[in-house]
């Protein structure tokens, strides 16, 4: 194990400090799939390849794709008629799909299959003429897409206070769905409030919080219990990363979101003997490795891994990309991918 080095930045020197590294962390199956979709599009088509919104919420991934010829746009209306357009992992509304078709865009859909499942549930509840209560953040791209499946029947609720403000009769036939990247604890509180508020409430057969968000939140709770401070690598617009910081902080352990190693403030570590480290589902492992190296330079040169789950889920590529160009055989399966 590396020896601790002195740091010139004013951070206190720590010798023999410990890094408690959470597993699982970093890319989930939906993110891997989305990134592989853009990789394959770049191989098949001349640049630029257009992507609606950020393919996943991570600045490093976005910048890397921009260097390779990807143009990220806020709206499908910005994509030239007939061009290749990838829909991000967070999903889009039917209106977006219709506008893309009107512009004759060559659409490649990178929507996470777990998000697509929530869209399907939304359509089913709408057919049953239920009012849909969508638990989530109204300004998040995933919620915008899900809401768009049944805008005339859907109300977005962010917390228990929103439930109390609902102007619906107690016997209203309602159903709830959730954004996939929320905190399990907070979602449970909102669902409990809905169960108390309505007599005719239906919910999904299984939890909509995706397995990757659940696993990363469980792991960060474990490391927060044994660490003096927790660092979560992730971009500020990554919902699942932000929720991980909140989950860690609720245990009473100081927790910080770290977009990359350049944002690490050595002052956060003053007085600490152990640092918990994890990352959101849209974060490349490279960014975690850079933080580990920096922590070693600050004297945290012992590594302990805490594994709370093993992830072996993979999602296949869309049919249009599953077969290599010029091949008649079966195409590659994505090694895993969203966040």
Protein backbone atom coordinates (compact mmCIF):
# COMPACT_ATOMS: atom_id res chain seq x y z
CA UNK A 1 0.00 0.00 0.00
CA UNK A 2 1.27 3.47 -0.85
CA UNK A 3 2.85 5.66 1.82
CA UNK A 4 1.03 8.89 2.68
CA UNK A 5 2.41 12.01 1.00
CA UNK A 6 2.45 15.54 2.32
CA UNK A 7 -0.05 17.82 0.66
CA UNK A 8 0.66 21.47 -0.19
CA UNK A 9 -2.99 22.49 -0.40
CA UNK A 10 -3.44 23.05 3.30
CA UNK A 11 -5.26 19.79 4.01
CA UNK A 12 -4.20 18.14 7.28
CA UNK A 13 -1.79 15.23 6.86
CA UNK A 14 -3.31 11.86 7.71
CA UNK A 15 -1.19 8.73 7.99
CA UNK A 16 -2.75 5.29 7.88
CA UNK A 17 -6.21 6.59 7.14
CA UNK A 18 -8.78 4.23 5.67
CA UNK A 19 -11.01 4.41 2.59
CA UNK A 20 -14.21 2.37 2.91
CA UNK A 21 -15.19 1.67 -0.68
CA UNK A 22 -18.80 0.76 -1.41
CA UNK A 23 -19.84 -1.98 -3.81
CA UNK A 24 -21.83 -1.83 -5.97
CA UNK A 25 -21.08 1.65 -7.32
CA UNK A 26 -20.65 3.41 -10.67
CA UNK A 27 -22.34 2.28 -13.89
CA UNK A 28 -25.60 0.37 -13.72
CA UNK A 29 -26.99 -1.77 -16.54
CA UNK A 30 -29.12 1.04 -17.99
CA UNK A 31 -26.20 3.47 -18.15
CA UNK A 32 -23.89 0.91 -19.74
CA UNK A 33 -26.53 0.19 -22.35
CA UNK A 34 -27.08 3.88 -23.12
CA UNK A 35 -23.36 4.54 -23.46
CA UNK A 36 -22.88 1.49 -25.67
CA UNK A 37 -25.76 2.69 -27.86
CA UNK A 38 -24.00 6.01 -28.49
CA UNK A 39 -20.68 4.20 -29.02
CA UNK A 40 -22.31 1.98 -31.64
CA UNK A 41 -24.02 4.94 -33.31
CA UNK A 42 -20.65 6.66 -33.64
CA UNK A 43 -19.24 3.52 -35.26
CA UNK A 44 -22.10 3.20 -37.73
CA UNK A 45 -22.83 6.77 -38.75
CA UNK A 46 -20.67 9.71 -39.79
CA UNK A 47 -20.57 12.53 -37.22
CA UNK A 48 -22.33 14.35 -35.91
CA UNK A 49 -24.60 12.01 -34.00
CA UNK A 50 -27.24 14.02 -32.14
CA UNK A 51 -28.38 13.11 -28.62
CA UNK A 52 -31.49 14.67 -27.09
CA UNK A 53 -30.51 15.92 -23.61
CA UNK A 54 -27.54 14.36 -21.80
CA UNK A 55 -27.33 10.65 -22.60
CA UNK A 56 -26.75 10.08 -18.85
CA UNK A 57 -26.28 12.68 -16.14
CA UNK A 58 -22.51 12.79 -15.93
CA UNK A 59 -20.34 15.66 -17.15
CA UNK A 60 -17.32 13.45 -17.89
CA UNK A 61 -19.30 11.08 -20.11
CA UNK A 62 -20.92 14.00 -21.95
CA UNK A 63 -17.63 15.81 -22.58
CA UNK A 64 -15.99 12.62 -23.83
CA UNK A 65 -18.78 12.05 -26.35
CA UNK A 66 -18.63 15.69 -27.47
CA UNK A 67 -14.96 15.25 -28.28
CA UNK A 68 -15.87 12.22 -30.40
CA UNK A 69 -18.50 13.93 -32.52
CA UNK A 70 -21.72 13.85 -30.49
CA UNK A 71 -23.88 16.98 -30.41
CA UNK A 72 -26.17 17.24 -27.39
CA UNK A 73 -29.36 19.25 -27.90
CA UNK A 74 -32.18 20.29 -25.59
CA UNK A 75 -34.91 19.54 -28.12
CA UNK A 76 -35.48 17.27 -31.07
CA UNK A 77 -36.40 20.45 -32.96
CA UNK A 78 -32.69 21.36 -32.98
CA UNK A 79 -31.76 18.20 -34.89
CA UNK A 80 -31.49 18.61 -38.69
CA UNK A 81 -34.25 16.88 -40.63
CA UNK A 82 -33.38 13.25 -41.30
CA UNK A 83 -30.37 13.13 -38.97
CA UNK A 84 -29.54 10.44 -36.41
CA UNK A 85 -31.01 11.28 -32.99
CA UNK A 86 -30.51 9.24 -29.82
CA UNK A 87 -33.07 9.57 -27.02
CA UNK A 88 -31.38 9.65 -23.61
CA UNK A 89 -31.61 6.96 -20.95
CA UNK A 90 -34.20 9.00 -19.02
CA UNK A 91 -36.94 8.50 -21.62
CA UNK A 92 -39.15 10.88 -23.59
CA UNK A 93 -42.85 11.62 -23.92
CA UNK A 94 -45.03 10.49 -26.85
CA UNK A 95 -45.12 14.11 -28.02
CA UNK A 96 -41.33 14.09 -28.44
CA UNK A 97 -41.56 10.86 -30.45
CA UNK A 98 -44.24 12.38 -32.68
CA UNK A 99 -42.17 15.50 -33.35
CA UNK A 100 -39.13 13.38 -34.14
CA UNK A 101 -41.20 11.36 -36.62
CA UNK A 102 -42.50 14.56 -38.23
CA UNK A 103 -38.89 15.63 -38.77
CA UNK A 104 -38.01 12.19 -40.22
CA UNK A 105 -35.27 11.72 -37.63
CA UNK A 106 -33.42 8.41 -37.55
CA UNK A 107 -34.24 7.72 -33.89
CA UNK A 108 -32.26 5.35 -31.67
CA UNK A 109 -33.96 4.90 -28.30
CA UNK A 110 -31.61 4.56 -25.31
CA UNK A 111 -34.40 4.74 -22.72
CA UNK A 112 -33.56 2.55 -19.74
CA UNK A 113 -35.81 -0.53 -19.78
CA UNK A 114 -36.75 0.16 -16.15
CA UNK A 115 -37.97 3.64 -17.10
CA UNK A 116 -39.82 2.18 -20.09
CA UNK A 117 -41.62 -0.12 -17.64
CA UNK A 118 -42.90 2.89 -15.68
CA UNK A 119 -44.15 4.44 -18.94
CA UNK A 120 -46.05 1.23 -19.66
CA UNK A 121 -47.60 1.27 -16.18
CA UNK A 122 -48.65 4.90 -16.71
CA UNK A 123 -50.49 3.99 -19.89
CA UNK A 124 -52.22 1.09 -18.15
CA UNK A 125 -53.46 3.22 -15.25
CA UNK A 126 -54.63 5.88 -17.70
CA UNK A 127 -56.65 3.24 -19.59
CA UNK A 128 -58.21 2.28 -16.26
CA UNK A 129 -59.22 5.95 -15.85
CA UNK A 130 -57.30 6.37 -12.62
CA UNK A 131 -55.72 9.62 -11.53
CA UNK A 132 -51.98 8.97 -11.56
CA UNK A 133 -49.86 10.38 -8.76
CA UNK A 134 -46.29 10.42 -10.00
CA UNK A 135 -43.82 10.64 -7.12
CA UNK A 136 -40.79 12.56 -8.30
CA UNK A 137 -39.24 15.90 -9.18
CA UNK A 138 -41.20 17.78 -11.82
CA UNK A 139 -38.12 19.26 -13.49
CA UNK A 140 -36.32 15.94 -13.96
CA UNK A 141 -36.20 14.59 -17.51
CA UNK A 142 -37.44 11.17 -16.46
CA UNK A 143 -40.54 12.66 -14.83
CA UNK A 144 -41.18 14.87 -17.88
CA UNK A 145 -41.23 11.79 -20.10
CA UNK A 146 -43.44 9.72 -17.79
CA UNK A 147 -45.85 12.61 -17.22
CA UNK A 148 -46.15 13.00 -20.98
CA UNK A 149 -47.66 9.52 -21.31
CA UNK A 150 -50.89 10.76 -19.68
CA UNK A 151 -50.64 14.48 -18.94
CA UNK A 152 -54.37 14.93 -18.48
CA UNK A 153 -54.48 12.24 -15.76
CA UNK A 154 -51.15 12.76 -13.97
CA UNK A 155 -50.20 14.87 -10.96
CA UNK A 156 -46.56 15.08 -9.83
CA UNK A 157 -46.02 14.89 -6.06
CA UNK A 158 -42.58 15.47 -4.61
CA UNK A 159 -43.18 14.92 -0.89
CA UNK A 160 -45.69 14.39 1.90
CA UNK A 161 -46.62 18.09 1.86
CA UNK A 162 -47.67 17.76 -1.80
CA UNK A 163 -49.92 14.85 -0.83
CA UNK A 164 -51.64 17.00 1.80
CA UNK A 165 -52.30 19.69 -0.83
CA UNK A 166 -54.04 17.35 -3.29
CA UNK A 167 -57.56 18.55 -4.07
CA UNK A 168 -59.04 15.13 -4.73
CA UNK A 169 -61.89 13.34 -2.94
CA UNK A 170 -60.96 10.48 -0.65
CA UNK A 171 -62.77 7.95 -2.87
CA UNK A 172 -61.02 9.08 -6.08
CA UNK A 173 -59.63 6.06 -7.98
CA UNK A 174 -55.88 6.81 -7.92
CA UNK A 175 -52.63 5.03 -8.66
CA UNK A 176 -49.06 5.94 -7.82
CA UNK A 177 -45.80 5.50 -9.70
CA UNK A 178 -42.33 6.76 -8.86
CA UNK A 179 -39.30 8.24 -10.53
CA UNK A 180 -36.76 5.41 -10.56
CA UNK A 181 -33.86 7.30 -8.96
CA UNK A 182 -35.45 8.51 -5.72
CA UNK A 183 -34.55 7.79 -2.11
CA UNK A 184 -36.24 4.63 -0.85
CA UNK A 185 -36.91 6.14 2.58
CA UNK A 186 -38.51 9.33 1.27
CA UNK A 187 -40.61 7.43 -1.26
CA UNK A 188 -41.89 5.12 1.48
CA UNK A 189 -43.06 8.16 3.45
CA UNK A 190 -44.97 9.56 0.46
CA UNK A 191 -46.57 6.20 -0.31
CA UNK A 192 -47.64 5.85 3.33
CA UNK A 193 -49.25 9.30 3.14
CA UNK A 194 -51.10 8.30 -0.03
CA UNK A 195 -52.36 5.09 1.58
CA UNK A 196 -53.73 7.13 4.46
CA UNK A 197 -55.24 9.76 2.16
CA UNK A 198 -57.08 7.55 -0.38
CA UNK A 199 -59.41 4.56 -0.11
CA UNK A 200 -58.96 3.35 -3.71
CA UNK A 201 -55.20 3.41 -4.28
CA UNK A 202 -53.25 1.11 -6.57
CA UNK A 203 -49.51 0.86 -7.02
CA UNK A 204 -47.07 -1.07 -9.17
CA UNK A 205 -46.64 -4.77 -8.50
CA UNK A 206 -43.02 -4.15 -7.57
CA UNK A 207 -41.05 -1.14 -6.41
CA UNK A 208 -40.30 1.35 -9.20
CA UNK A 209 -37.07 2.52 -7.54
CA UNK A 210 -34.54 0.82 -9.77
CA UNK A 211 -32.36 -1.97 -8.44
CA UNK A 212 -29.21 0.14 -8.97
CA UNK A 213 -30.55 3.07 -6.93
CA UNK A 214 -31.62 0.67 -4.16
CA UNK A 215 -28.26 -1.10 -4.11
CA UNK A 216 -26.22 2.10 -4.07
CA UNK A 217 -28.34 3.63 -1.32
CA UNK A 218 -28.06 0.48 0.80
CA UNK A 219 -24.29 0.41 0.31
CA UNK A 220 -23.83 4.08 1.17
CA UNK A 221 -25.81 3.57 4.40
CA UNK A 222 -23.43 0.77 5.34
CA UNK A 223 -20.28 2.78 4.72
CA UNK A 224 -21.73 5.86 6.44
CA UNK A 225 -22.17 3.77 9.58
CA UNK A 226 -18.42 3.07 9.78
CA UNK A 227 -16.88 6.20 8.22
CA UNK A 228 -16.19 9.68 9.59
CA UNK A 229 -17.13 11.36 6.30
CA UNK A 230 -18.72 10.11 3.07
CA UNK A 231 -17.87 11.19 -0.47
CA UNK A 232 -20.20 10.37 -3.36
CA UNK A 233 -18.78 10.88 -6.83
CA UNK A 234 -21.47 12.20 -9.15
CA UNK A 235 -22.66 15.21 -11.10
CA UNK A 236 -25.01 17.74 -9.45
CA UNK A 237 -27.76 16.98 -12.00
CA UNK A 238 -27.61 13.24 -11.26
CA UNK A 239 -30.69 12.49 -9.16
CA UNK A 240 -29.47 9.11 -7.94
CA UNK A 241 -26.10 10.58 -6.88
CA UNK A 242 -27.73 13.44 -4.97
CA UNK A 243 -30.07 11.00 -3.23
CA UNK A 244 -27.04 8.94 -2.13
CA UNK A 245 -25.55 12.00 -0.43
CA UNK A 246 -28.87 12.65 1.32
CA UNK A 247 -29.12 9.02 2.45
CA UNK A 248 -25.60 9.14 3.91
CA UNK A 249 -26.25 12.48 5.64
CA UNK A 250 -29.41 11.14 7.27
CA UNK A 251 -27.27 8.64 9.17
CA UNK A 252 -25.56 11.60 10.85
CA UNK A 253 -22.30 11.29 8.92
CA UNK A 254 -21.11 14.36 6.98
CA UNK A 255 -21.49 13.68 3.26
CA UNK A 256 -20.40 15.54 0.13
CA UNK A 257 -21.16 15.29 -3.59
CA UNK A 258 -17.97 15.23 -5.66
CA UNK A 259 -18.31 15.79 -9.44
CA UNK A 260 -14.65 14.73 -9.84
CA UNK A 261 -11.35 14.75 -7.96
CA UNK A 262 -10.72 18.45 -8.66
CA UNK A 263 -13.64 19.28 -6.34
CA UNK A 264 -12.21 17.40 -3.36
CA UNK A 265 -11.73 19.81 -0.45
CA UNK A 266 -9.05 18.42 1.94
CA UNK A 267 -10.74 20.40 4.71
CA UNK A 268 -13.63 17.92 4.58
CA UNK A 269 -11.24 15.30 5.92
CA UNK A 270 -9.91 17.21 8.94
CA UNK A 271 -10.10 14.98 11.98
CA UNK A 272 -11.26 11.96 9.96
CA UNK A 273 -9.65 8.55 10.17
CA UNK A 274 -11.92 6.85 7.64
CA UNK A 275 -13.55 8.08 4.44
CA UNK A 276 -16.53 6.32 2.89
CA UNK A 277 -16.48 6.45 -0.91
CA UNK A 278 -19.11 5.56 -3.48
CA UNK A 279 -20.47 6.87 -6.78
CA UNK A 280 -23.73 7.28 -8.62
CA UNK A 281 -25.02 4.94 -11.29
CA UNK A 282 -23.93 7.23 -14.15
CA UNK A 283 -20.32 7.67 -12.99
CA UNK A 284 -17.34 6.07 -14.78
CA UNK A 285 -15.15 4.02 -12.45
CA UNK A 286 -12.17 6.07 -13.64
CA UNK A 287 -13.46 9.06 -11.65
CA UNK A 288 -13.62 6.92 -8.50
CA UNK A 289 -10.07 5.65 -9.07
CA UNK A 290 -8.82 9.24 -9.33
CA UNK A 291 -10.41 10.07 -5.97
CA UNK A 292 -8.86 6.95 -4.41
CA UNK A 293 -5.43 8.08 -5.66
CA UNK A 294 -5.96 11.58 -4.28
CA UNK A 295 -7.08 10.23 -0.90
CA UNK A 296 -3.95 8.06 -0.77
CA UNK A 297 -1.92 11.21 -1.31
CA UNK A 298 -3.70 12.71 1.70
CA UNK A 299 -2.76 9.74 3.86
CA UNK A 300 -5.86 7.56 3.40
CA UNK A 301 -3.86 4.68 1.99
CA UNK A 302 -5.74 1.66 3.34
CA UNK A 303 -8.67 0.28 1.33
CA UNK A 304 -11.59 -1.67 2.75
CA UNK A 305 -14.35 -2.83 0.41
CA UNK A 306 -17.91 -3.18 1.71
CA UNK A 307 -20.07 -5.20 -0.68
CA UNK A 308 -23.82 -5.22 -0.06
CA UNK A 309 -25.02 -6.72 -3.35
CA UNK A 310 -23.76 -8.31 -6.56
CA UNK A 311 -25.14 -6.93 -9.82
CA UNK A 312 -25.26 -9.15 -12.88
CA UNK A 313 -28.17 -7.58 -14.79
CA UNK A 314 -27.59 -6.77 -18.45
CA UNK A 315 -29.83 -5.09 -21.03
CA UNK A 316 -29.56 -5.87 -24.72
CA UNK A 317 -29.17 -3.21 -27.38
CA UNK A 318 -32.15 -2.02 -29.45
CA UNK A 319 -32.90 -4.25 -32.42
CA UNK A 320 -31.62 -1.66 -34.88
CA UNK A 321 -28.15 -1.85 -33.33
CA UNK A 322 -28.05 -5.45 -32.16
CA UNK A 323 -26.75 -6.79 -35.47
CA UNK A 324 -23.35 -5.49 -36.61
CA UNK A 325 -23.34 -3.76 -39.97
CA UNK A 326 -22.80 -6.22 -42.76
CA UNK A 327 -23.62 -9.15 -40.50
CA UNK A 328 -26.59 -11.50 -40.53
CA UNK A 329 -25.84 -13.04 -37.16
CA UNK A 330 -27.01 -12.04 -33.73
CA UNK A 331 -25.62 -8.83 -32.40
CA UNK A 332 -23.70 -8.19 -29.19
CA UNK A 333 -25.47 -7.89 -25.89
CA UNK A 334 -24.75 -4.83 -23.82
CA UNK A 335 -22.64 -5.66 -20.78
CA UNK A 336 -24.96 -3.80 -18.63
CA UNK A 337 -26.41 0.17 -18.63
CA UNK A 338 -28.60 4.10 -17.09
CA UNK A 339 -28.37 6.74 -14.37
